[in-house]
Protein backbone atom coordinates (compact mmCIF):
# COMPACT_ATOMS: atom_id res chain seq x y z
CA MET A 1 12.50 -13.49 27.64
CA ILE A 2 11.29 -16.12 25.19
CA ALA A 3 7.74 -14.72 25.21
CA VAL A 4 9.05 -11.23 24.43
CA THR A 5 11.20 -12.58 21.60
CA ALA A 6 8.27 -14.57 20.23
CA ALA A 7 6.00 -11.54 20.45
CA SER A 8 8.59 -9.39 18.70
CA ALA A 9 9.01 -11.99 15.96
CA GLU A 10 5.23 -12.18 15.56
CA GLU A 11 4.94 -8.38 15.44
CA MET A 12 7.73 -8.23 12.84
CA SER A 13 5.96 -10.90 10.80
CA GLN A 14 2.67 -8.96 10.95
CA THR A 15 4.45 -5.73 10.05
CA GLN A 16 6.21 -7.39 7.10
CA HIS A 17 2.91 -8.93 5.97
CA ARG A 18 1.16 -5.53 6.16
CA GLN A 19 4.00 -3.87 4.24
CA ALA A 20 3.91 -6.55 1.52
CA ALA A 21 0.12 -6.29 1.26
CA SER A 22 0.35 -2.49 1.13
CA ALA A 23 2.98 -2.63 -1.64
CA SER A 24 0.82 -5.03 -3.65
CA GLN A 25 -2.25 -2.82 -3.21
CA GLU A 26 -0.29 0.26 -4.17
CA ARG A 27 0.88 -1.48 -7.38
CA SER A 28 -2.76 -2.23 -8.31
CA CYS A 29 -3.60 1.45 -7.80
CA LYS A 30 -0.68 2.55 -9.98
CA VAL A 31 -1.90 0.22 -12.74
CA ALA A 32 -5.28 1.97 -12.50
CA ILE A 33 -3.59 5.37 -12.92
CA GLN A 34 -1.24 4.36 -15.74
CA GLY A 35 -3.85 2.28 -17.51
CA PRO A 36 -3.85 -1.49 -17.57
CA GLY A 37 -3.49 -1.70 -21.33
CA SER A 38 -6.15 -4.00 -22.72
CA LEU A 39 -7.55 -5.20 -19.37
CA GLU A 40 -11.15 -4.35 -18.58
CA GLY A 41 -12.66 -3.93 -15.14
CA PHE A 42 -12.98 -1.66 -12.17
CA ALA A 43 -10.31 1.07 -12.14
CA SER A 44 -11.11 3.72 -9.51
CA VAL A 45 -13.60 5.88 -7.65
CA GLN A 46 -13.57 9.65 -8.08
CA VAL A 47 -15.34 12.04 -5.73
CA GLU A 48 -15.80 15.78 -5.96
CA THR A 49 -15.24 18.04 -2.97
CA SER A 50 -15.52 21.69 -2.08
CA ASP A 51 -12.53 21.40 0.31
CA ILE A 52 -9.71 19.05 -0.67
CA LYS A 53 -7.78 19.89 2.54
CA HIS A 54 -10.26 17.93 4.70
CA HIS A 55 -9.93 14.90 2.43
CA GLU A 56 -6.13 15.18 2.55
CA GLN A 57 -6.26 15.10 6.36
CA PHE A 58 -8.71 12.17 6.31
CA PHE A 59 -6.75 9.99 3.89
CA GLU A 60 -3.21 10.94 4.86
CA SER A 61 -3.42 11.48 8.64
CA VAL A 62 -6.17 9.06 9.67
CA LEU A 63 -6.24 6.29 7.05
CA HIS A 64 -2.51 6.51 6.23
CA ALA A 65 -3.41 5.91 2.58
CA PRO A 66 -0.46 6.43 0.24
CA VAL A 67 -0.77 9.37 -2.15
CA VAL A 68 -0.27 7.86 -5.61
CA GLN A 69 -1.37 10.89 -7.62
CA ARG A 70 -1.10 14.62 -6.92
CA MET A 71 -2.04 17.13 -9.58
CA ASP A 72 -2.76 20.83 -9.27
CA HIS A 73 -3.97 22.75 -12.28
CA PRO A 74 -3.89 26.42 -11.20
CA GLN A 75 -7.30 28.10 -11.29
CA VAL A 76 -8.86 24.87 -12.65
CA ASP A 77 -8.73 21.96 -10.20
CA SER A 78 -6.74 19.91 -7.71
CA LEU A 79 -6.63 16.10 -7.71
CA ARG A 80 -5.37 13.65 -5.11
CA GLY A 81 -5.24 9.93 -5.74
CA TYR A 82 -5.09 7.66 -2.70
CA CYS A 83 -4.59 3.94 -2.64
CA TYR A 84 -6.65 2.49 0.17
CA ARG A 85 -6.93 -1.29 0.53
CA GLY A 86 -6.17 -1.74 -3.15
CA VAL A 87 -8.81 0.76 -4.33
CA LEU A 88 -7.76 3.94 -6.11
CA ILE A 89 -9.82 6.80 -4.70
CA VAL A 90 -9.37 10.10 -6.52
CA VAL A 91 -10.55 13.29 -4.84
CA ARG A 92 -11.08 16.33 -7.06
CA GLN A 93 -11.78 19.92 -6.15
CA ASP A 94 -13.01 22.08 -9.01
CA LEU A 95 -11.59 25.49 -8.20
CA ARG A 96 -14.05 27.31 -10.46
CA THR A 97 -17.20 25.61 -9.15
CA PRO A 98 -16.50 23.70 -5.91
CA ARG A 99 -19.09 21.01 -5.18
CA PRO A 100 -19.58 19.18 -1.88
CA THR A 101 -19.08 15.42 -2.04
CA GLY A 102 -22.66 14.42 -1.30
CA TRP A 103 -23.04 10.78 -0.27
CA VAL A 104 -20.30 8.32 -1.24
CA GLN A 105 -19.84 5.06 0.61
CA ILE A 106 -17.09 2.51 -0.04
CA ASN A 107 -17.42 -0.80 1.81
CA PHE A 108 -14.90 -3.48 2.68
CA THR A 109 -15.34 -6.91 4.23
CA VAL A 110 -12.79 -7.66 6.94
CA SER A 111 -12.10 -10.66 9.16
CA ASN A 112 -11.21 -8.71 12.33
CA ILE A 113 -13.14 -5.50 12.79
CA ALA A 114 -11.65 -4.89 16.26
CA ALA A 115 -8.15 -4.83 14.75
CA VAL A 116 -9.22 -2.43 11.99
CA GLN A 117 -10.95 -0.17 14.50
CA GLY A 118 -7.94 -0.21 16.83
CA GLU A 119 -5.52 0.58 14.00
CA LEU A 120 -7.63 3.48 12.68
CA GLU A 121 -8.36 4.97 16.10
CA GLN A 122 -4.68 4.75 17.07
CA ALA A 123 -3.68 6.55 13.86
CA TYR A 124 -6.38 9.14 14.50
CA ARG A 125 -5.23 9.82 18.10
CA ALA A 126 -1.64 10.20 16.88
CA SER A 127 -2.60 12.57 14.04
CA SER A 128 -2.74 16.34 13.90
CA VAL A 129 -6.49 16.01 13.31
CA TYR A 130 -6.93 14.84 16.91
CA GLN A 131 -5.46 18.15 18.14
CA LEU A 132 -8.23 20.17 16.47
CA SER A 133 -11.39 21.31 18.25
CA GLU A 134 -14.20 18.74 18.41
CA GLU A 135 -16.18 20.74 15.86
CA ASP A 136 -13.28 20.81 13.38
CA ARG A 137 -12.46 17.09 13.94
CA ALA A 138 -16.08 16.19 13.17
CA LYS A 139 -15.71 17.83 9.73
CA ILE A 140 -12.87 15.41 8.94
CA VAL A 141 -13.60 12.06 10.64
CA ARG A 142 -16.14 10.31 12.85
CA PHE A 143 -16.26 6.66 13.98
CA ARG A 144 -19.36 4.59 14.64
CA LEU A 145 -19.55 0.89 15.52
CA LYS A 146 -22.85 -0.89 14.82
CA PRO A 147 -23.00 -4.39 16.35
CA ASP A 148 -26.05 -5.73 14.45
CA VAL A 149 -26.46 -4.68 10.82
CA MET A 150 -28.13 -6.71 8.08
CA ARG A 151 -26.27 -6.94 4.77
CA GLY A 152 -28.57 -8.80 2.44
CA ASP A 153 -29.26 -12.09 4.19
CA ARG A 154 -26.32 -11.94 6.58
CA GLN A 155 -25.75 -10.17 9.86
CA VAL A 156 -22.53 -8.19 10.35
CA ILE A 157 -20.68 -6.01 12.80
CA ARG A 158 -20.11 -2.70 11.01
CA LEU A 159 -17.56 0.04 11.57
CA GLU A 160 -18.37 3.29 9.81
CA VAL A 161 -15.57 5.80 9.32
CA ALA A 162 -17.27 8.96 8.14
CA GLY A 163 -15.08 11.49 6.39
CA PRO A 164 -15.66 14.97 4.99
CA GLU A 165 -18.86 16.03 3.22
CA GLY A 166 -20.72 12.70 3.27
CA PHE A 167 -17.80 10.48 2.27
CA MET A 168 -17.74 7.20 4.23
CA ILE A 169 -15.71 4.02 4.38
CA GLY A 170 -17.49 1.06 5.93
CA PHE A 171 -16.02 -2.18 7.27
CA ASP A 172 -18.18 -5.28 7.72
CA GLN A 173 -17.31 -8.44 9.63
CA ASP A 174 -19.65 -11.42 9.35
CA LYS A 175 -21.08 -12.62 12.64
């Protein structure tokens, strides 16, 4: 009984920590949207897409990234702003001239790649994306773990989470 209670307390602590970190990251993304005033620095990443629906499924169903901006300008464009790990990522579909994303890669350094992989794969298996055919799922998300990748002069374990149209989020853990 004590072990279960301790595990539950630990899980609650981790959940509370994740929620606090998520709230803090979301605030930084909202500052990027509203404008930081006189502060200078990195604000956001914007990518173009020919199909915003695939990006919505990727960010909302698999990554569980909060939507912090949603704008639809009829017959012009659609924008979705997602806050993922404190980075504002805006996805735009030009409705007049849709363009595929091309190659966009956003990288994060993490301390526990197995935990990140487990969290993302669990979210993926629980999502509506997982119910699609293999061909349709591959258009939205693919996972790849690389155990020995060089990043400059250091060796890392790398998890690549490929999204729609060449968009990728990478996670590196130092060896």
